[in-house]
Amino acid sequence: MKHAASSLSLAFAAMSFAVVGGSAESAHGDILTVRAEARAGGALGKGMFGELKDEAFHQERGNLSYGVIAGAEVFFIDAWIQHDQFIGDGGVNGTWTQFMTGLDIEIDFDDGKGSAAGVWFAELGMGMGFGVGTGQQVDPPLDNSEVTDKGFLVEGRGLVGYRLSKLLSVGMSVPVQFGYFTKSGLGAVANNVDNHYSSFGGAAMFTFRSNWQIK
């Protein structure tokens, strides 16, 4: 986990340099952007270390997933909430909700068209945050007794998109994550690592996004 945090810090520094020193014609940021996104696709995960690595949340879920993201960006600083549902065994067999903050840059392939319809763009981002998982479908509000897994994670993502209009876009997003988690209800105390594990996960998600921008 220490190596992952160090790598993340270096990556954040590199991205900050790219944001500050990059061309204003190719990478841009608005004062405030509010984002709503629906997504669906395939996901997978693998336990890496720890006593319960074979019971890692994302390893045990189905490979089909769908969900929503709601967030806001001030300049290049993002904050977002993400909720995904996993399909397996004939229905929803788990949900994952994460609360994240991070950075991103967006590059337009616009030939001077700006943010109008018909423009392809790419987005690179990363973040860190806290996530909670359940082993079943839940009815909000989420109760702590329904939580099966929780922990901290880092995420990197790439996206290629196409603007349908100034507000709407579609795309393909590929997020990857590494996290350190605990299982609930297994003697979860600070000095007991028997219920701890780390895992790696990734996904390929079709996205439909709406952005409201304030210059």
C-alpha atoms as a PDB file:
ATOM      1  CA  MET A   1       0.000   0.000   0.000  1.00  0.00           C
ATOM      2  CA  LYS A   2       2.930   2.335   0.725  1.00  0.00           C
ATOM      3  CA  HIS A   3       4.294   1.801  -2.802  1.00  0.00           C
ATOM      4  CA  ALA A   4       0.858   2.455  -4.289  1.00  0.00           C
ATOM      5  CA  ALA A   5       0.564   5.716  -2.343  1.00  0.00           C
ATOM      6  CA  SER A   6       4.030   6.804  -3.488  1.00  0.00           C
ATOM      7  CA  SER A   7       3.182   6.032  -7.098  1.00  0.00           C
ATOM      8  CA  LEU A   8      -0.066   7.946  -6.766  1.00  0.00           C
ATOM      9  CA  SER A   9       1.758  10.992  -5.377  1.00  0.00           C
ATOM     10  CA  LEU A  10       4.184  10.954  -8.302  1.00  0.00           C
ATOM     11  CA  ALA A  11       1.323  10.570 -10.745  1.00  0.00           C
ATOM     12  CA  PHE A  12      -0.552  13.473  -9.155  1.00  0.00           C
ATOM     13  CA  ALA A  13       2.540  15.631  -9.445  1.00  0.00           C
ATOM     14  CA  ALA A  14       2.989  14.683 -13.088  1.00  0.00           C
ATOM     15  CA  MET A  15      -0.632  15.427 -13.867  1.00  0.00           C
ATOM     16  CA  SER A  16      -0.448  18.778 -12.082  1.00  0.00           C
ATOM     17  CA  PHE A  17       2.593  19.676 -14.189  1.00  0.00           C
ATOM     18  CA  ALA A  18       0.719  18.668 -17.339  1.00  0.00           C
ATOM     19  CA  VAL A  19      -2.266  20.777 -16.328  1.00  0.00           C
ATOM     20  CA  VAL A  20      -0.164  23.860 -15.589  1.00  0.00           C
ATOM     21  CA  GLY A  21       2.303  23.502 -18.415  1.00  0.00           C
ATOM     22  CA  GLY A  22       0.093  21.943 -21.092  1.00  0.00           C
ATOM     23  CA  SER A  23      -1.179  23.768 -24.149  1.00  0.00           C
ATOM     24  CA  ALA A  24      -4.307  25.838 -23.524  1.00  0.00           C
ATOM     25  CA  GLU A  25      -5.529  24.794 -26.951  1.00  0.00           C
ATOM     26  CA  SER A  26      -5.529  21.090 -26.145  1.00  0.00           C
ATOM     27  CA  ALA A  27      -6.282  20.813 -22.410  1.00  0.00           C
ATOM     28  CA  HIS A  28      -8.798  22.988 -20.632  1.00  0.00           C
ATOM     29  CA  GLY A  29     -10.612  23.405 -17.349  1.00  0.00           C
ATOM     30  CA  ASP A  30     -13.670  25.393 -16.382  1.00  0.00           C
ATOM     31  CA  ILE A  31     -14.213  27.188 -13.094  1.00  0.00           C
ATOM     32  CA  LEU A  32     -17.028  24.779 -12.173  1.00  0.00           C
ATOM     33  CA  THR A  33     -18.360  21.689 -13.914  1.00  0.00           C
ATOM     34  CA  VAL A  34     -21.233  19.594 -12.553  1.00  0.00           C
ATOM     35  CA  ARG A  35     -21.403  16.065 -13.941  1.00  0.00           C
ATOM     36  CA  ALA A  36     -24.021  13.318 -14.056  1.00  0.00           C
ATOM     37  CA  GLU A  37     -23.138  10.027 -15.724  1.00  0.00           C
ATOM     38  CA  ALA A  38     -24.824   6.697 -16.400  1.00  0.00           C
ATOM     39  CA  ARG A  39     -22.596   3.737 -17.251  1.00  0.00           C
ATOM     40  CA  ALA A  40     -22.726   0.033 -17.994  1.00  0.00           C
ATOM     41  CA  GLY A  41     -20.238  -2.632 -19.025  1.00  0.00           C
ATOM     42  CA  GLY A  42     -17.958  -5.337 -17.745  1.00  0.00           C
ATOM     43  CA  ALA A  43     -15.904  -5.449 -14.541  1.00  0.00           C
ATOM     44  CA  LEU A  44     -13.486  -7.823 -12.853  1.00  0.00           C
ATOM     45  CA  GLY A  45     -11.349  -7.996  -9.744  1.00  0.00           C
ATOM     46  CA  LYS A  46      -8.682 -10.072  -8.060  1.00  0.00           C
ATOM     47  CA  GLY A  47      -7.600 -10.356  -4.443  1.00  0.00           C
ATOM     48  CA  MET A  48      -3.873  -9.695  -4.095  1.00  0.00           C
ATOM     49  CA  PHE A  49      -2.750  -9.944  -0.458  1.00  0.00           C
ATOM     50  CA  GLY A  50      -4.188 -10.799   2.951  1.00  0.00           C
ATOM     51  CA  GLU A  51      -5.956 -13.651   4.687  1.00  0.00           C
ATOM     52  CA  LEU A  52      -9.212 -12.965   2.828  1.00  0.00           C
ATOM     53  CA  LYS A  53      -7.825 -12.219  -0.625  1.00  0.00           C
ATOM     54  CA  ASP A  54      -9.846 -15.114  -2.075  1.00  0.00           C
ATOM     55  CA  GLU A  55     -13.007 -13.454  -0.779  1.00  0.00           C
ATOM     56  CA  ALA A  56     -12.227 -10.009  -2.228  1.00  0.00           C
ATOM     57  CA  PHE A  57     -15.403  -8.106  -2.998  1.00  0.00           C
ATOM     58  CA  HIS A  58     -14.766  -7.422  -6.685  1.00  0.00           C
ATOM     59  CA  GLN A  59     -13.507 -10.958  -7.262  1.00  0.00           C
ATOM     60  CA  GLU A  60     -16.756 -12.510  -6.022  1.00  0.00           C
ATOM     61  CA  ARG A  61     -19.162 -10.291  -7.967  1.00  0.00           C
ATOM     62  CA  GLY A  62     -20.572 -10.879 -11.430  1.00  0.00           C
ATOM     63  CA  ASN A  63     -18.746  -9.552 -14.472  1.00  0.00           C
ATOM     64  CA  LEU A  64     -21.602  -7.293 -15.612  1.00  0.00           C
ATOM     65  CA  SER A  65     -22.060  -3.929 -13.922  1.00  0.00           C
ATOM     66  CA  TYR A  66     -24.075  -0.748 -14.264  1.00  0.00           C
ATOM     67  CA  GLY A  67     -24.254   2.426 -12.231  1.00  0.00           C
ATOM     68  CA  VAL A  68     -24.223   6.192 -11.940  1.00  0.00           C
ATOM     69  CA  ILE A  69     -21.733   8.919 -11.045  1.00  0.00           C
ATOM     70  CA  ALA A  70     -22.535  12.389  -9.713  1.00  0.00           C
ATOM     71  CA  GLY A  71     -19.800  14.922  -9.148  1.00  0.00           C
ATOM     72  CA  ALA A  72     -18.393  18.414  -9.417  1.00  0.00           C
ATOM     73  CA  GLU A  73     -15.075  19.786 -10.622  1.00  0.00           C
ATOM     74  CA  VAL A  74     -13.539  23.111  -9.557  1.00  0.00           C
ATOM     75  CA  PHE A  75     -10.763  23.963 -12.011  1.00  0.00           C
ATOM     76  CA  PHE A  76      -9.029  20.547 -12.185  1.00  0.00           C
ATOM     77  CA  ILE A  77     -10.023  19.216  -8.754  1.00  0.00           C
ATOM     78  CA  ASP A  78     -12.776  16.587  -8.830  1.00  0.00           C
ATOM     79  CA  ALA A  79     -15.099  15.241  -6.155  1.00  0.00           C
ATOM     80  CA  TRP A  80     -17.615  12.535  -7.010  1.00  0.00           C
ATOM     81  CA  ILE A  81     -19.861   9.808  -5.671  1.00  0.00           C
ATOM     82  CA  GLN A  82     -20.094   6.590  -7.649  1.00  0.00           C
ATOM     83  CA  HIS A  83     -22.596   3.768  -7.205  1.00  0.00           C
ATOM     84  CA  ASP A  84     -22.383   0.493  -9.156  1.00  0.00           C
ATOM     85  CA  GLN A  85     -24.502  -2.638  -9.116  1.00  0.00           C
ATOM     86  CA  PHE A  86     -23.179  -6.054 -10.115  1.00  0.00           C
ATOM     87  CA  ILE A  87     -25.138  -8.742 -11.910  1.00  0.00           C
ATOM     88  CA  GLY A  88     -24.530 -12.413 -11.204  1.00  0.00           C
ATOM     89  CA  ASP A  89     -26.367 -15.567 -10.178  1.00  0.00           C
ATOM     90  CA  GLY A  90     -29.492 -14.404 -11.994  1.00  0.00           C
ATOM     91  CA  GLY A  91     -29.750 -10.945 -10.452  1.00  0.00           C
ATOM     92  CA  VAL A  92     -28.029  -8.174  -8.529  1.00  0.00           C
ATOM     93  CA  ASN A  93     -25.516  -9.837  -6.214  1.00  0.00           C
ATOM     94  CA  GLY A  94     -23.718  -6.790  -4.890  1.00  0.00           C
ATOM     95  CA  THR A  95     -23.439  -3.017  -4.831  1.00  0.00           C
ATOM     96  CA  TRP A  96     -20.390  -0.784  -4.512  1.00  0.00           C
ATOM     97  CA  THR A  97     -20.432   2.901  -3.513  1.00  0.00           C
ATOM     98  CA  GLN A  98     -17.327   5.067  -3.373  1.00  0.00           C
ATOM     99  CA  PHE A  99     -16.612   8.663  -2.370  1.00  0.00           C
ATOM    100  CA  MET A 100     -13.681  10.095  -4.302  1.00  0.00           C
ATOM    101  CA  THR A 101     -11.548  13.170  -4.900  1.00  0.00           C
ATOM    102  CA  GLY A 102      -8.824  13.657  -7.477  1.00  0.00           C
ATOM    103  CA  LEU A 103      -7.570  15.353 -10.631  1.00  0.00           C
ATOM    104  CA  ASP A 104      -8.218  15.057 -14.345  1.00  0.00           C
ATOM    105  CA  ILE A 105      -7.300  16.646 -17.637  1.00  0.00           C
ATOM    106  CA  GLU A 106      -9.380  16.709 -20.817  1.00  0.00           C
ATOM    107  CA  ILE A 107      -7.943  16.975 -24.309  1.00  0.00           C
ATOM    108  CA  ASP A 108     -10.130  17.966 -27.258  1.00  0.00           C
ATOM    109  CA  PHE A 109      -9.446  16.819 -30.803  1.00  0.00           C
ATOM    110  CA  ASP A 110     -11.495  19.729 -32.058  1.00  0.00           C
ATOM    111  CA  ASP A 111      -9.619  21.484 -34.896  1.00  0.00           C
ATOM    112  CA  GLY A 112     -10.758  24.793 -33.430  1.00  0.00           C
ATOM    113  CA  LYS A 113     -14.403  23.787 -32.944  1.00  0.00           C
ATOM    114  CA  GLY A 114     -14.354  24.246 -29.169  1.00  0.00           C
ATOM    115  CA  SER A 115     -16.790  22.142 -27.103  1.00  0.00           C
ATOM    116  CA  ALA A 116     -19.475  21.892 -29.781  1.00  0.00           C
ATOM    117  CA  ALA A 117     -21.176  18.728 -31.032  1.00  0.00           C
ATOM    118  CA  GLY A 118     -19.182  16.373 -33.216  1.00  0.00           C
ATOM    119  CA  VAL A 119     -15.903  16.656 -31.281  1.00  0.00           C
ATOM    120  CA  TRP A 120     -13.867  13.693 -30.067  1.00  0.00           C
ATOM    121  CA  PHE A 121     -12.027  14.095 -26.771  1.00  0.00           C
ATOM    122  CA  ALA A 122      -9.909  12.143 -24.292  1.00  0.00           C
ATOM    123  CA  GLU A 123      -9.818  12.329 -20.513  1.00  0.00           C
ATOM    124  CA  LEU A 124      -7.183  11.128 -18.063  1.00  0.00           C
ATOM    125  CA  GLY A 125      -7.914  11.143 -14.358  1.00  0.00           C
ATOM    126  CA  MET A 126      -6.994   9.710 -11.002  1.00  0.00           C
ATOM    127  CA  GLY A 127      -8.307   9.869  -7.491  1.00  0.00           C
ATOM    128  CA  MET A 128      -8.404   8.389  -4.014  1.00  0.00           C
ATOM    129  CA  GLY A 129     -11.230   7.778  -1.624  1.00  0.00           C
ATOM    130  CA  PHE A 130     -13.314   5.412   0.470  1.00  0.00           C
ATOM    131  CA  GLY A 131     -15.653   2.656  -0.719  1.00  0.00           C
ATOM    132  CA  VAL A 132     -18.283   0.362   0.789  1.00  0.00           C
ATOM    133  CA  GLY A 133     -19.744  -2.802  -0.671  1.00  0.00           C
ATOM    134  CA  THR A 134     -22.753  -5.013   0.009  1.00  0.00           C
ATOM    135  CA  GLY A 135     -23.362  -8.589  -1.003  1.00  0.00           C
ATOM    136  CA  GLN A 136     -26.935  -7.941  -2.069  1.00  0.00           C
ATOM    137  CA  GLN A 137     -29.349  -5.374  -3.448  1.00  0.00           C
ATOM    138  CA  VAL A 138     -30.188  -2.695  -0.887  1.00  0.00           C
ATOM    139  CA  ASP A 139     -32.912  -0.105  -0.454  1.00  0.00           C
ATOM    140  CA  PRO A 140     -31.513   3.336   0.475  1.00  0.00           C
ATOM    141  CA  PRO A 141     -30.602   4.595   2.935  1.00  0.00           C
ATOM    142  CA  LEU A 142     -27.783   2.096   3.343  1.00  0.00           C
ATOM    143  CA  ASP A 143     -27.591   0.585   6.805  1.00  0.00           C
ATOM    144  CA  ASN A 144     -24.208  -0.319   8.299  1.00  0.00           C
ATOM    145  CA  SER A 145     -25.433  -3.857   8.947  1.00  0.00           C
ATOM    146  CA  GLU A 146     -25.712  -4.385   5.178  1.00  0.00           C
ATOM    147  CA  VAL A 147     -22.073  -3.457   4.520  1.00  0.00           C
ATOM    148  CA  THR A 148     -19.847  -6.476   3.857  1.00  0.00           C
ATOM    149  CA  ASP A 149     -16.637  -4.743   2.706  1.00  0.00           C
ATOM    150  CA  LYS A 150     -15.134  -1.291   3.146  1.00  0.00           C
ATOM    151  CA  GLY A 151     -11.807   0.419   2.732  1.00  0.00           C
ATOM    152  CA  PHE A 152      -9.571   2.919   0.978  1.00  0.00           C
ATOM    153  CA  LEU A 153      -8.637   2.869  -2.682  1.00  0.00           C
ATOM    154  CA  VAL A 154      -6.757   4.662  -5.426  1.00  0.00           C
ATOM    155  CA  GLU A 155      -8.002   4.812  -9.004  1.00  0.00           C
ATOM    156  CA  GLY A 156      -6.696   5.761 -12.434  1.00  0.00           C
ATOM    157  CA  ARG A 157      -8.907   6.041 -15.493  1.00  0.00           C
ATOM    158  CA  GLY A 158      -8.849   6.841 -19.163  1.00  0.00           C
ATOM    159  CA  LEU A 159     -11.820   7.804 -21.326  1.00  0.00           C
ATOM    160  CA  VAL A 160     -12.391   8.420 -25.017  1.00  0.00           C
ATOM    161  CA  GLY A 161     -15.614  10.269 -25.780  1.00  0.00           C
ATOM    162  CA  TYR A 162     -17.671  11.975 -28.452  1.00  0.00           C
ATOM    163  CA  ARG A 163     -19.780  15.087 -27.856  1.00  0.00           C
ATOM    164  CA  LEU A 164     -23.383  14.807 -28.996  1.00  0.00           C
ATOM    165  CA  SER A 165     -23.925  18.424 -27.948  1.00  0.00           C
ATOM    166  CA  LYS A 166     -22.295  20.984 -25.679  1.00  0.00           C
ATOM    167  CA  LEU A 167     -23.928  19.287 -22.679  1.00  0.00           C
ATOM    168  CA  LEU A 168     -24.095  15.598 -23.663  1.00  0.00           C
ATOM    169  CA  SER A 169     -21.446  13.058 -24.591  1.00  0.00           C
ATOM    170  CA  VAL A 170     -20.956   9.308 -24.953  1.00  0.00           C
ATOM    171  CA  GLY A 171     -17.767   7.367 -24.485  1.00  0.00           C
ATOM    172  CA  MET A 172     -15.792   4.393 -23.256  1.00  0.00           C
ATOM    173  CA  SER A 173     -14.159   4.605 -19.834  1.00  0.00           C
ATOM    174  CA  VAL A 174     -11.512   2.216 -18.482  1.00  0.00           C
ATOM    175  CA  PRO A 175     -10.946   2.650 -14.717  1.00  0.00           C
ATOM    176  CA  VAL A 176      -8.455   0.572 -12.710  1.00  0.00           C
ATOM    177  CA  GLN A 177      -8.261   0.457  -8.917  1.00  0.00           C
ATOM    178  CA  PHE A 178      -6.119  -0.815  -6.092  1.00  0.00           C
ATOM    179  CA  GLY A 179      -7.517  -0.871  -2.575  1.00  0.00           C
ATOM    180  CA  TYR A 180      -7.008  -2.022   1.001  1.00  0.00           C
ATOM    181  CA  PHE A 181     -10.228  -3.340   2.541  1.00  0.00           C
ATOM    182  CA  THR A 182     -11.743  -5.070   5.541  1.00  0.00           C
ATOM    183  CA  LYS A 183     -14.591  -7.553   5.822  1.00  0.00           C
ATOM    184  CA  SER A 184     -17.351  -6.622   8.249  1.00  0.00           C
ATOM    185  CA  GLY A 185     -18.486  -8.882  11.071  1.00  0.00           C
ATOM    186  CA  LEU A 186     -15.219 -10.788  11.348  1.00  0.00           C
ATOM    187  CA  GLY A 187     -13.754  -9.364  14.526  1.00  0.00           C
ATOM    188  CA  ALA A 188     -13.024  -6.021  12.898  1.00  0.00           C
ATOM    189  CA  VAL A 189     -10.683  -4.316  15.348  1.00  0.00           C
ATOM    190  CA  ALA A 190      -7.710  -2.112  14.587  1.00  0.00           C
ATOM    191  CA  ASN A 191      -5.003  -4.636  15.536  1.00  0.00           C
ATOM    192  CA  ASN A 192      -6.647  -7.662  13.887  1.00  0.00           C
ATOM    193  CA  VAL A 193      -5.586  -8.077  10.270  1.00  0.00           C
ATOM    194  CA  ASP A 194      -7.257 -11.454   9.746  1.00  0.00           C
ATOM    195  CA  ASN A 195     -10.182  -9.718   8.066  1.00  0.00           C
ATOM    196  CA  HIS A 196      -8.007  -7.408   5.904  1.00  0.00           C
ATOM    197  CA  TYR A 197      -7.143  -7.853   2.239  1.00  0.00           C
ATOM    198  CA  SER A 198      -5.994  -5.860  -0.751  1.00  0.00           C
ATOM    199  CA  SER A 199      -7.343  -6.229  -4.267  1.00  0.00           C
ATOM    200  CA  PHE A 200      -7.018  -4.969  -7.811  1.00  0.00           C
ATOM    201  CA  GLY A 201      -9.970  -4.252 -10.088  1.00  0.00           C
ATOM    202  CA  GLY A 202     -10.756  -2.907 -13.514  1.00  0.00           C
ATOM    203  CA  ALA A 203     -13.667  -2.273 -15.854  1.00  0.00           C
ATOM    204  CA  ALA A 204     -14.624  -1.240 -19.373  1.00  0.00           C
ATOM    205  CA  MET A 205     -17.741   0.936 -19.231  1.00  0.00           C
ATOM    206  CA  PHE A 206     -19.895   2.592 -21.868  1.00  0.00           C
ATOM    207  CA  THR A 207     -20.830   6.048 -20.573  1.00  0.00           C
ATOM    208  CA  PHE A 208     -23.543   8.611 -21.187  1.00  0.00           C
ATOM    209  CA  ARG A 209     -22.611  11.913 -19.562  1.00  0.00           C
ATOM    210  CA  SER A 210     -24.095  15.340 -19.047  1.00  0.00           C
ATOM    211  CA  ASN A 211     -21.853  18.270 -18.061  1.00  0.00           C
ATOM    212  CA  TRP A 212     -22.962  21.739 -16.961  1.00  0.00           C
ATOM    213  CA  GLN A 213     -20.063  24.151 -17.189  1.00  0.00           C
ATOM    214  CA  ILE A 214     -19.449  27.596 -15.726  1.00  0.00           C
ATOM    215  CA  LYS A 215     -16.505  29.438 -17.282  1.00  0.00           C
END
